[in-house]
Each structure stands twice: as structure tokens, then as C-alpha cells.
Amino acid sequence: MKQLVMMVHANVQQDLADRLRAIEQVQGFSFSHIEGHGRHTGEDRNLSPRDKVVGYVPQVRVDIMLDEADIAPVLEALRCADCGLNGHGFYWVVPVEQYGQL
């Protein structure tokens, strides 16, 4: 089992949720609202005027548990989807040692 973690701008949350619900391999996902801090420049197309003023970017962290074989198809579906990512989302994949319900 793997965990796909993504960080995306908060303004794409609804479109991304709709797209994730349409991907067969995704059985569920979680959103957490976070603040992105870093070296943001004026050329960053992801930044709104508000982001530039307050000094951080409102983002959503997305956590998805997937079988290892499903990682590549899910990432490809998101790259091809029209859900506002446009190459501006970040992701990483981490192994999950144990997974279950309590």
C-alpha cells in the first residue's frame, strides 16, 4: 500500500474532488487546509493578489491510499484532467507499513 500526498492551490479543491471521485482506483481521499510558505515570486502564475499581500498561499493537502500499481494511472489521470492543476500541484508517494480500521 502507498500513500499519495498532493499539495494544490485551494482554488482547485472542488474541481479536483470531482475528478478524484471519477477515477476508478480512488476509493476515498482526505483534504486538509494548509498554508504554503516559500520563496514566492511575482512571476508565479499560481499566486493571486491576495496571496502576494498576505505572504502565503492557501493550499489543500490531499491524502489518498492506493495500491502501488494504481499510483501511475491515478497520476496520469490527474495530469490529463481539466481540474485546474496545470502543472502547479506537487505530489509525493510514501510507503505505508500498516493500514486498517480501528
PDB file of N, CA and C in Angstrom:
ATOM      1  N   MET A   1       0.849  -1.172   0.000  1.00  0.00           N
ATOM      2  CA  MET A   1       0.000   0.000   0.000  1.00  0.00           C
ATOM      3  C   MET A   1       0.897   1.238   0.000  1.00  0.00           C
ATOM      4  N   LYS A   2       0.434   2.265  -0.697  1.00  0.00           N
ATOM      5  CA  LYS A   2       1.157   3.535  -0.783  1.00  0.00           C
ATOM      6  C   LYS A   2       0.210   4.680  -0.428  1.00  0.00           C
ATOM      7  N   GLN A   3       0.813   5.776  -0.012  1.00  0.00           N
ATOM      8  CA  GLN A   3       0.047   6.994   0.234  1.00  0.00           C
ATOM      9  C   GLN A   3       0.499   8.031  -0.774  1.00  0.00           C
ATOM     10  N   LEU A   4      -0.436   8.507  -1.573  1.00  0.00           N
ATOM     11  CA  LEU A   4      -0.192   9.607  -2.495  1.00  0.00           C
ATOM     12  C   LEU A   4      -0.590  10.883  -1.775  1.00  0.00           C
ATOM     13  N   VAL A   5       0.377  11.798  -1.647  1.00  0.00           N
ATOM     14  CA  VAL A   5       0.137  13.073  -0.983  1.00  0.00           C
ATOM     15  C   VAL A   5       0.309  14.162  -2.028  1.00  0.00           C
ATOM     16  N   MET A   6      -0.648  15.068  -2.104  1.00  0.00           N
ATOM     17  CA  MET A   6      -0.564  16.174  -3.047  1.00  0.00           C
ATOM     18  C   MET A   6      -0.788  17.482  -2.309  1.00  0.00           C
ATOM     19  N   MET A   7      -0.162  18.543  -2.800  1.00  0.00           N
ATOM     20  CA  MET A   7      -0.418  19.901  -2.331  1.00  0.00           C
ATOM     21  C   MET A   7      -0.821  20.715  -3.546  1.00  0.00           C
ATOM     22  N   VAL A   8      -2.002  21.317  -3.463  1.00  0.00           N
ATOM     23  CA  VAL A   8      -2.537  22.089  -4.583  1.00  0.00           C
ATOM     24  C   VAL A   8      -3.113  23.399  -4.055  1.00  0.00           C
ATOM     25  N   HIS A   9      -3.255  24.375  -4.927  1.00  0.00           N
ATOM     26  CA  HIS A   9      -3.855  25.653  -4.536  1.00  0.00           C
ATOM     27  C   HIS A   9      -5.303  25.411  -4.129  1.00  0.00           C
ATOM     28  N   ALA A  10      -5.743  26.101  -3.103  1.00  0.00           N
ATOM     29  CA  ALA A  10      -7.094  25.897  -2.569  1.00  0.00           C
ATOM     30  C   ALA A  10      -8.196  26.165  -3.593  1.00  0.00           C
ATOM     31  N   ASN A  11      -7.923  26.996  -4.590  1.00  0.00           N
ATOM     32  CA  ASN A  11      -8.990  27.323  -5.543  1.00  0.00           C
ATOM     33  C   ASN A  11      -9.337  26.174  -6.488  1.00  0.00           C
ATOM     34  N   VAL A  12      -8.579  25.087  -6.485  1.00  0.00           N
ATOM     35  CA  VAL A  12      -8.905  23.941  -7.346  1.00  0.00           C
ATOM     36  C   VAL A  12      -9.567  22.806  -6.570  1.00  0.00           C
ATOM     37  N   GLN A  13      -9.846  23.015  -5.286  1.00  0.00           N
ATOM     38  CA  GLN A  13     -10.346  21.929  -4.448  1.00  0.00           C
ATOM     39  C   GLN A  13     -11.598  21.262  -5.015  1.00  0.00           C
ATOM     40  N   GLN A  14     -12.612  22.015  -5.374  1.00  0.00           N
ATOM     41  CA  GLN A  14     -13.865  21.407  -5.829  1.00  0.00           C
ATOM     42  C   GLN A  14     -13.682  20.647  -7.140  1.00  0.00           C
ATOM     43  N   ASP A  15     -12.975  21.249  -8.099  1.00  0.00           N
ATOM     44  CA  ASP A  15     -12.741  20.557  -9.374  1.00  0.00           C
ATOM     45  C   ASP A  15     -11.909  19.297  -9.165  1.00  0.00           C
ATOM     46  N   LEU A  16     -10.912  19.373  -8.285  1.00  0.00           N
ATOM     47  CA  LEU A  16     -10.082  18.201  -8.004  1.00  0.00           C
ATOM     48  C   LEU A  16     -10.909  17.118  -7.325  1.00  0.00           C
ATOM     49  N   ALA A  17     -11.769  17.486  -6.396  1.00  0.00           N
ATOM     50  CA  ALA A  17     -12.624  16.494  -5.734  1.00  0.00           C
ATOM     51  C   ALA A  17     -13.515  15.784  -6.746  1.00  0.00           C
ATOM     52  N   ASP A  18     -14.093  16.534  -7.657  1.00  0.00           N
ATOM     53  CA  ASP A  18     -14.936  15.927  -8.693  1.00  0.00           C
ATOM     54  C   ASP A  18     -14.138  14.956  -9.545  1.00  0.00           C
ATOM     55  N   ARG A  19     -12.926  15.351  -9.896  1.00  0.00           N
ATOM     56  CA  ARG A  19     -12.088  14.486 -10.738  1.00  0.00           C
ATOM     57  C   ARG A  19     -11.665  13.234  -9.981  1.00  0.00           C
ATOM     58  N   LEU A  20     -11.274  13.387  -8.723  1.00  0.00           N
ATOM     59  CA  LEU A  20     -10.856  12.215  -7.934  1.00  0.00           C
ATOM     60  C   LEU A  20     -12.004  11.221  -7.772  1.00  0.00           C
ATOM     61  N   ARG A  21     -13.209  11.722  -7.590  1.00  0.00           N
ATOM     62  CA  ARG A  21     -14.369  10.828  -7.460  1.00  0.00           C
ATOM     63  C   ARG A  21     -14.618  10.032  -8.740  1.00  0.00           C
ATOM     64  N   ALA A  22     -14.169  10.556  -9.865  1.00  0.00           N
ATOM     65  CA  ALA A  22     -14.391   9.883 -11.154  1.00  0.00           C
ATOM     66  C   ALA A  22     -13.300   8.867 -11.499  1.00  0.00           C
ATOM     67  N   ILE A  23     -12.222   8.822 -10.732  1.00  0.00           N
ATOM     68  CA  ILE A  23     -11.126   7.891 -11.019  1.00  0.00           C
ATOM     69  C   ILE A  23     -11.401   6.574 -10.299  1.00  0.00           C
ATOM     70  N   GLU A  24     -11.494   5.514 -11.056  1.00  0.00           N
ATOM     71  CA  GLU A  24     -11.891   4.205 -10.527  1.00  0.00           C
ATOM     72  C   GLU A  24     -10.997   3.722  -9.383  1.00  0.00           C
ATOM     73  N   GLN A  25      -9.696   3.939  -9.481  1.00  0.00           N
ATOM     74  CA  GLN A  25      -8.759   3.431  -8.480  1.00  0.00           C
ATOM     75  C   GLN A  25      -8.843   4.162  -7.146  1.00  0.00           C
ATOM     76  N   VAL A  26      -9.425   5.344  -7.126  1.00  0.00           N
ATOM     77  CA  VAL A  26      -9.503   6.142  -5.902  1.00  0.00           C
ATOM     78  C   VAL A  26     -10.785   5.775  -5.157  1.00  0.00           C
ATOM     79  N   GLN A  27     -10.614   5.129  -4.012  1.00  0.00           N
ATOM     80  CA  GLN A  27     -11.761   4.715  -3.199  1.00  0.00           C
ATOM     81  C   GLN A  27     -12.182   5.797  -2.209  1.00  0.00           C
ATOM     82  N   GLY A  28     -11.272   6.719  -1.917  1.00  0.00           N
ATOM     83  CA  GLY A  28     -11.566   7.806  -1.000  1.00  0.00           C
ATOM     84  C   GLY A  28     -10.346   8.695  -0.866  1.00  0.00           C
ATOM     85  N   PHE A  29     -10.523   9.867  -0.288  1.00  0.00           N
ATOM     86  CA  PHE A  29      -9.412  10.805  -0.127  1.00  0.00           C
ATOM     87  C   PHE A  29      -9.768  11.781   0.979  1.00  0.00           C
ATOM     88  N   SER A  30      -8.751  12.466   1.483  1.00  0.00           N
ATOM     89  CA  SER A  30      -8.940  13.467   2.528  1.00  0.00           C
ATOM     90  C   SER A  30      -8.327  14.782   2.093  1.00  0.00           C
ATOM     91  N   PHE A  31      -8.985  15.875   2.428  1.00  0.00           N
ATOM     92  CA  PHE A  31      -8.456  17.221   2.206  1.00  0.00           C
ATOM     93  C   PHE A  31      -8.125  17.842   3.561  1.00  0.00           C
ATOM     94  N   SER A  32      -6.995  18.505   3.639  1.00  0.00           N
ATOM     95  CA  SER A  32      -6.627  19.300   4.811  1.00  0.00           C
ATOM     96  C   SER A  32      -6.207  20.670   4.312  1.00  0.00           C
ATOM     97  N   HIS A  33      -6.715  21.714   4.931  1.00  0.00           N
ATOM     98  CA  HIS A  33      -6.359  23.071   4.515  1.00  0.00           C
ATOM     99  C   HIS A  33      -5.057  23.476   5.193  1.00  0.00           C
ATOM    100  N   ILE A  34      -4.111  23.965   4.386  1.00  0.00           N
ATOM    101  CA  ILE A  34      -2.786  24.328   4.872  1.00  0.00           C
ATOM    102  C   ILE A  34      -2.375  25.669   4.270  1.00  0.00           C
ATOM    103  N   GLU A  35      -1.277  26.227   4.784  1.00  0.00           N
ATOM    104  CA  GLU A  35      -0.694  27.456   4.250  1.00  0.00           C
ATOM    105  C   GLU A  35       0.647  27.112   3.631  1.00  0.00           C
ATOM    106  N   GLY A  36       0.846  27.480   2.378  1.00  0.00           N
ATOM    107  CA  GLY A  36       2.121  27.256   1.710  1.00  0.00           C
ATOM    108  C   GLY A  36       3.024  28.468   1.858  1.00  0.00           C
ATOM    109  N   HIS A  37       4.157  28.274   2.487  1.00  0.00           N
ATOM    110  CA  HIS A  37       5.131  29.353   2.662  1.00  0.00           C
ATOM    111  C   HIS A  37       6.376  28.985   1.863  1.00  0.00           C
ATOM    112  N   GLY A  38       6.986  29.947   1.234  1.00  0.00           N
ATOM    113  CA  GLY A  38       8.194  29.681   0.461  1.00  0.00           C
ATOM    114  C   GLY A  38       8.646  30.924  -0.261  1.00  0.00           C
ATOM    115  N   ARG A  39       9.536  30.735  -1.188  1.00  0.00           N
ATOM    116  CA  ARG A  39      10.056  31.848  -1.974  1.00  0.00           C
ATOM    117  C   ARG A  39       9.148  32.093  -3.172  1.00  0.00           C
ATOM    118  N   HIS A  40       8.071  32.783  -2.937  1.00  0.00           N
ATOM    119  CA  HIS A  40       7.114  33.086  -4.000  1.00  0.00           C
ATOM    120  C   HIS A  40       7.578  34.339  -4.727  1.00  0.00           C
ATOM    121  N   THR A  41       7.525  34.264  -6.038  1.00  0.00           N
ATOM    122  CA  THR A  41       7.942  35.412  -6.828  1.00  0.00           C
ATOM    123  C   THR A  41       6.753  35.985  -7.582  1.00  0.00           C
ATOM    124  N   GLY A  42       6.900  37.183  -8.066  1.00  0.00           N
ATOM    125  CA  GLY A  42       5.836  37.838  -8.822  1.00  0.00           C
ATOM    126  C   GLY A  42       5.493  37.125 -10.111  1.00  0.00           C
ATOM    127  N   GLU A  43       6.391  36.290 -10.595  1.00  0.00           N
ATOM    128  CA  GLU A  43       6.140  35.561 -11.839  1.00  0.00           C
ATOM    129  C   GLU A  43       5.317  34.295 -11.627  1.00  0.00           C
ATOM    130  N   ASP A  44       5.066  33.941 -10.390  1.00  0.00           N
ATOM    131  CA  ASP A  44       4.322  32.724 -10.089  1.00  0.00           C
ATOM    132  C   ASP A  44       2.859  32.927 -10.470  1.00  0.00           C
ATOM    133  N   ARG A  45       2.411  32.249 -11.513  1.00  0.00           N
ATOM    134  CA  ARG A  45       1.045  32.405 -12.011  1.00  0.00           C
ATOM    135  C   ARG A  45       0.002  31.867 -11.033  1.00  0.00           C
ATOM    136  N   ASN A  46       0.425  31.034 -10.095  1.00  0.00           N
ATOM    137  CA  ASN A  46      -0.492  30.468  -9.116  1.00  0.00           C
ATOM    138  C   ASN A  46      -0.902  31.470  -8.044  1.00  0.00           C
ATOM    139  N   LEU A  47      -0.139  32.543  -7.893  1.00  0.00           N
ATOM    140  CA  LEU A  47      -0.399  33.494  -6.821  1.00  0.00           C
ATOM    141  C   LEU A  47      -1.461  34.517  -7.213  1.00  0.00           C
ATOM    142  N   SER A  48      -2.433  34.671  -6.339  1.00  0.00           N
ATOM    143  CA  SER A  48      -3.431  35.714  -6.545  1.00  0.00           C
ATOM    144  C   SER A  48      -2.904  36.993  -5.898  1.00  0.00           C
ATOM    145  N   PRO A  49      -3.505  38.124  -6.182  1.00  0.00           N
ATOM    146  CA  PRO A  49      -3.087  39.353  -5.485  1.00  0.00           C
ATOM    147  C   PRO A  49      -3.169  39.195  -3.965  1.00  0.00           C
ATOM    148  N   ARG A  50      -4.174  38.495  -3.482  1.00  0.00           N
ATOM    149  CA  ARG A  50      -4.311  38.243  -2.047  1.00  0.00           C
ATOM    150  C   ARG A  50      -3.115  37.466  -1.512  1.00  0.00           C
ATOM    151  N   ASP A  51      -2.687  36.416  -2.243  1.00  0.00           N
ATOM    152  CA  ASP A  51      -1.552  35.598  -1.814  1.00  0.00           C
ATOM    153  C   ASP A  51      -0.284  36.452  -1.681  1.00  0.00           C
ATOM    154  N   LYS A  52      -0.111  37.365  -2.626  1.00  0.00           N
ATOM    155  CA  LYS A  52       1.081  38.214  -2.614  1.00  0.00           C
ATOM    156  C   LYS A  52       1.082  39.162  -1.420  1.00  0.00           C
ATOM    157  N   VAL A  53      -0.099  39.606  -1.013  1.00  0.00           N
ATOM    158  CA  VAL A  53      -0.201  40.547   0.101  1.00  0.00           C
ATOM    159  C   VAL A  53      -0.008  39.842   1.445  1.00  0.00           C
ATOM    160  N   VAL A  54      -0.665  38.704   1.646  1.00  0.00           N
ATOM    161  CA  VAL A  54      -0.597  38.049   2.954  1.00  0.00           C
ATOM    162  C   VAL A  54       0.686  37.251   3.134  1.00  0.00           C
ATOM    163  N   GLY A  55       1.365  36.916   2.059  1.00  0.00           N
ATOM    164  CA  GLY A  55       2.657  36.249   2.161  1.00  0.00           C
ATOM    165  C   GLY A  55       2.628  34.733   2.197  1.00  0.00           C
ATOM    166  N   TYR A  56       1.486  34.151   2.015  1.00  0.00           N
ATOM    167  CA  TYR A  56       1.409  32.690   1.919  1.00  0.00           C
ATOM    168  C   TYR A  56       0.315  32.312   0.932  1.00  0.00           C
ATOM    169  N   VAL A  57       0.353  31.063   0.517  1.00  0.00           N
ATOM    170  CA  VAL A  57      -0.608  30.569  -0.464  1.00  0.00           C
ATOM    171  C   VAL A  57      -1.562  29.598   0.228  1.00  0.00           C
ATOM    172  N   PRO A  58      -2.872  29.842   0.157  1.00  0.00           N
ATOM    173  CA  PRO A  58      -3.817  28.875   0.719  1.00  0.00           C
ATOM    174  C   PRO A  58      -3.792  27.606  -0.134  1.00  0.00           C
ATOM    175  N   GLN A  59      -3.496  26.505   0.502  1.00  0.00           N
ATOM    176  CA  GLN A  59      -3.386  25.243  -0.220  1.00  0.00           C
ATOM    177  C   GLN A  59      -4.232  24.173   0.432  1.00  0.00           C
ATOM    178  N   VAL A  60      -4.392  23.098  -0.295  1.00  0.00           N
ATOM    179  CA  VAL A  60      -5.086  21.925   0.199  1.00  0.00           C
ATOM    180  C   VAL A  60      -4.118  20.756   0.085  1.00  0.00           C
ATOM    181  N   ARG A  61      -3.989  20.025   1.172  1.00  0.00           N
ATOM    182  CA  ARG A  61      -3.226  18.778   1.139  1.00  0.00           C
ATOM    183  C   ARG A  61      -4.231  17.663   0.887  1.00  0.00           C
ATOM    184  N   VAL A  62      -3.891  16.794  -0.045  1.00  0.00           N
ATOM    185  CA  VAL A  62      -4.761  15.684  -0.419  1.00  0.00           C
ATOM    186  C   VAL A  62      -4.026  14.390  -0.073  1.00  0.00           C
ATOM    187  N   ASP A  63      -4.671  13.525   0.685  1.00  0.00           N
ATOM    188  CA  ASP A  63      -4.101  12.231   1.056  1.00  0.00           C
ATOM    189  C   ASP A  63      -4.966  11.125   0.469  1.00  0.00           C
ATOM    190  N   ILE A  64      -4.316  10.211  -0.254  1.00  0.00           N
ATOM    191  CA  ILE A  64      -5.033   9.108  -0.901  1.00  0.00           C
ATOM    192  C   ILE A  64      -4.257   7.818  -0.663  1.00  0.00           C
ATOM    193  N   MET A  65      -4.929   6.792  -0.184  1.00  0.00           N
ATOM    194  CA  MET A  65      -4.323   5.481  -0.031  1.00  0.00           C
ATOM    195  C   MET A  65      -4.591   4.691  -1.314  1.00  0.00           C
ATOM    196  N   LEU A  66      -3.513   4.124  -1.883  1.00  0.00           N
ATOM    197  CA  LEU A  66      -3.632   3.401  -3.151  1.00  0.00           C
ATOM    198  C   LEU A  66      -2.759   2.164  -3.152  1.00  0.00           C
ATOM    199  N   ASP A  67      -3.163   1.182  -3.934  1.00  0.00           N
ATOM    200  CA  ASP A  67      -2.257   0.070  -4.224  1.00  0.00           C
ATOM    201  C   ASP A  67      -1.120   0.614  -5.073  1.00  0.00           C
ATOM    202  N   GLU A  68       0.043   0.029  -4.938  1.00  0.00           N
ATOM    203  CA  GLU A  68       1.208   0.529  -5.669  1.00  0.00           C
ATOM    204  C   GLU A  68       0.963   0.576  -7.171  1.00  0.00           C
ATOM    205  N   ALA A  69       0.269  -0.408  -7.708  1.00  0.00           N
ATOM    206  CA  ALA A  69       0.011  -0.462  -9.153  1.00  0.00           C
ATOM    207  C   ALA A  69      -0.917   0.665  -9.619  1.00  0.00           C
ATOM    208  N   ASP A  70      -1.645   1.272  -8.693  1.00  0.00           N
ATOM    209  CA  ASP A  70      -2.600   2.317  -9.065  1.00  0.00           C
ATOM    210  C   ASP A  70      -2.009   3.727  -9.064  1.00  0.00           C
ATOM    211  N   ILE A  71      -0.812   3.887  -8.535  1.00  0.00           N
ATOM    212  CA  ILE A  71      -0.199   5.218  -8.451  1.00  0.00           C
ATOM    213  C   ILE A  71      -0.050   5.847  -9.846  1.00  0.00           C
ATOM    214  N   ALA A  72       0.587   5.155 -10.758  1.00  0.00           N
ATOM    215  CA  ALA A  72       0.850   5.708 -12.096  1.00  0.00           C
ATOM    216  C   ALA A  72      -0.442   6.057 -12.840  1.00  0.00           C
ATOM    217  N   PRO A  73      -1.453   5.168 -12.881  1.00  0.00           N
ATOM    218  CA  PRO A  73      -2.682   5.536 -13.582  1.00  0.00           C
ATOM    219  C   PRO A  73      -3.410   6.731 -12.958  1.00  0.00           C
ATOM    220  N   VAL A  74      -3.384   6.842 -11.633  1.00  0.00           N
ATOM    221  CA  VAL A  74      -4.047   7.969 -10.980  1.00  0.00           C
ATOM    222  C   VAL A  74      -3.316   9.272 -11.305  1.00  0.00           C
ATOM    223  N   LEU A  75      -1.991   9.256 -11.235  1.00  0.00           N
ATOM    224  CA  LEU A  75      -1.228  10.454 -11.575  1.00  0.00           C
ATOM    225  C   LEU A  75      -1.450  10.856 -13.028  1.00  0.00           C
ATOM    226  N   GLU A  76      -1.496   9.891 -13.908  1.00  0.00           N
ATOM    227  CA  GLU A  76      -1.720  10.198 -15.325  1.00  0.00           C
ATOM    228  C   GLU A  76      -3.112  10.782 -15.536  1.00  0.00           C
ATOM    229  N   ALA A  77      -4.111  10.240 -14.863  1.00  0.00           N
ATOM    230  CA  ALA A  77      -5.469  10.771 -14.980  1.00  0.00           C
ATOM    231  C   ALA A  77      -5.532  12.215 -14.501  1.00  0.00           C
ATOM    232  N   LEU A  78      -4.798  12.524 -13.432  1.00  0.00           N
ATOM    233  CA  LEU A  78      -4.794  13.894 -12.923  1.00  0.00           C
ATOM    234  C   LEU A  78      -4.033  14.836 -13.849  1.00  0.00           C
ATOM    235  N   ARG A  79      -2.957  14.348 -14.462  1.00  0.00           N
ATOM    236  CA  ARG A  79      -2.207  15.188 -15.408  1.00  0.00           C
ATOM    237  C   ARG A  79      -3.064  15.536 -16.622  1.00  0.00           C
ATOM    238  N   CYS A  80      -3.912  14.627 -17.027  1.00  0.00           N
ATOM    239  CA  CYS A  80      -4.740  14.835 -18.220  1.00  0.00           C
ATOM    240  C   CYS A  80      -6.063  15.520 -17.909  1.00  0.00           C
ATOM    241  N   ALA A  81      -6.394  15.629 -16.639  1.00  0.00           N
ATOM    242  CA  ALA A  81      -7.694  16.186 -16.245  1.00  0.00           C
ATOM    243  C   ALA A  81      -7.688  17.703 -16.334  1.00  0.00           C
ATOM    244  N   ASP A  82      -8.857  18.225 -16.607  1.00  0.00           N
ATOM    245  CA  ASP A  82      -9.031  19.675 -16.609  1.00  0.00           C
ATOM    246  C   ASP A  82      -9.611  20.075 -15.251  1.00  0.00           C
ATOM    247  N   CYS A  83      -8.755  20.016 -14.217  1.00  0.00           N
ATOM    248  CA  CYS A  83      -9.235  20.331 -12.866  1.00  0.00           C
ATOM    249  C   CYS A  83      -8.432  21.460 -12.237  1.00  0.00           C
ATOM    250  N   GLY A  84      -7.726  22.230 -13.056  1.00  0.00           N
ATOM    251  CA  GLY A  84      -7.051  23.415 -12.569  1.00  0.00           C
ATOM    252  C   GLY A  84      -5.618  23.230 -12.108  1.00  0.00           C
ATOM    253  N   LEU A  85      -5.103  22.015 -12.178  1.00  0.00           N
ATOM    254  CA  LEU A  85      -3.728  21.802 -11.708  1.00  0.00           C
ATOM    255  C   LEU A  85      -2.709  22.447 -12.637  1.00  0.00           C
ATOM    256  N   ASN A  86      -2.844  22.196 -13.923  1.00  0.00           N
ATOM    257  CA  ASN A  86      -1.977  22.808 -14.936  1.00  0.00           C
ATOM    258  C   ASN A  86      -0.496  22.762 -14.569  1.00  0.00           C
ATOM    259  N   GLY A  87      -0.056  21.648 -14.005  1.00  0.00           N
ATOM    260  CA  GLY A  87       1.351  21.505 -13.650  1.00  0.00           C
ATOM    261  C   GLY A  87       1.757  22.244 -12.390  1.00  0.00           C
ATOM    262  N   HIS A  88       0.795  22.774 -11.620  1.00  0.00           N
ATOM    263  CA  HIS A  88       1.125  23.549 -10.433  1.00  0.00           C
ATOM    264  C   HIS A  88       0.936  22.790  -9.133  1.00  0.00           C
ATOM    265  N   GLY A  89       0.460  21.569  -9.193  1.00  0.00           N
ATOM    266  CA  GLY A  89       0.335  20.766  -7.981  1.00  0.00           C
ATOM    267  C   GLY A  89       1.631  20.026  -7.716  1.00  0.00           C
ATOM    268  N   PHE A  90       1.883  19.740  -6.459  1.00  0.00           N
ATOM    269  CA  PHE A  90       3.061  18.972  -6.070  1.00  0.00           C
ATOM    270  C   PHE A  90       2.598  17.673  -5.435  1.00  0.00           C
ATOM    271  N   TYR A  91       3.363  16.609  -5.606  1.00  0.00           N
ATOM    272  CA  TYR A  91       2.978  15.336  -5.007  1.00  0.00           C
ATOM    273  C   TYR A  91       4.211  14.560  -4.577  1.00  0.00           C
ATOM    274  N   TRP A  92       3.973  13.617  -3.693  1.00  0.00           N
ATOM    275  CA  TRP A  92       4.979  12.626  -3.348  1.00  0.00           C
ATOM    276  C   TRP A  92       4.247  11.357  -2.940  1.00  0.00           C
ATOM    277  N   VAL A  93       4.976  10.255  -2.984  1.00  0.00           N
ATOM    278  CA  VAL A  93       4.422   8.950  -2.664  1.00  0.00           C
ATOM    279  C   VAL A  93       5.270   8.345  -1.551  1.00  0.00           C
ATOM    280  N   VAL A  94       4.611   7.830  -0.528  1.00  0.00           N
ATOM    281  CA  VAL A  94       5.326   7.233   0.592  1.00  0.00           C
ATOM    282  C   VAL A  94       4.764   5.839   0.863  1.00  0.00           C
ATOM    283  N   PRO A  95       5.632   4.929   1.312  1.00  0.00           N
ATOM    284  CA  PRO A  95       5.150   3.589   1.653  1.00  0.00           C
ATOM    285  C   PRO A  95       4.333   3.614   2.937  1.00  0.00           C
ATOM    286  N   VAL A  96       3.368   2.742   3.026  1.00  0.00           N
ATOM    287  CA  VAL A  96       2.559   2.604   4.219  1.00  0.00           C
ATOM    288  C   VAL A  96       2.851   1.225   4.805  1.00  0.00           C
ATOM    289  N   GLU A  97       3.369   1.204   6.007  1.00  0.00           N
ATOM    290  CA  GLU A  97       3.750  -0.068   6.631  1.00  0.00           C
ATOM    291  C   GLU A  97       2.543  -0.853   7.101  1.00  0.00           C
ATOM    292  N   GLN A  98       1.550  -0.141   7.564  1.00  0.00           N
ATOM    293  CA  GLN A  98       0.367  -0.811   8.078  1.00  0.00           C
ATOM    294  C   GLN A  98      -0.851   0.025   7.781  1.00  0.00           C
ATOM    295  N   TYR A  99      -1.968  -0.630   7.545  1.00  0.00           N
ATOM    296  CA  TYR A  99      -3.186   0.058   7.152  1.00  0.00           C
ATOM    297  C   TYR A  99      -4.362  -0.748   7.653  1.00  0.00           C
ATOM    298  N   GLY A 100      -5.354  -0.127   8.246  1.00  0.00           N
ATOM    299  CA  GLY A 100      -6.510  -0.863   8.721  1.00  0.00           C
ATOM    300  C   GLY A 100      -7.521   0.060   9.352  1.00  0.00           C
ATOM    301  N   GLN A 101      -8.510  -0.530   9.983  1.00  0.00           N
ATOM    302  CA  GLN A 101      -9.571   0.212  10.647  1.00  0.00           C
ATOM    303  C   GLN A 101      -9.512  -0.074  12.135  1.00  0.00           C
ATOM    304  N   LEU A 102      -9.926   0.908  12.922  1.00  0.00           N
ATOM    305  CA  LEU A 102      -9.989   0.739  14.373  1.00  0.00           C
ATOM    306  C   LEU A 102     -11.426   0.783  14.840  1.00  0.00           C
TER     307      LEU A 102
END
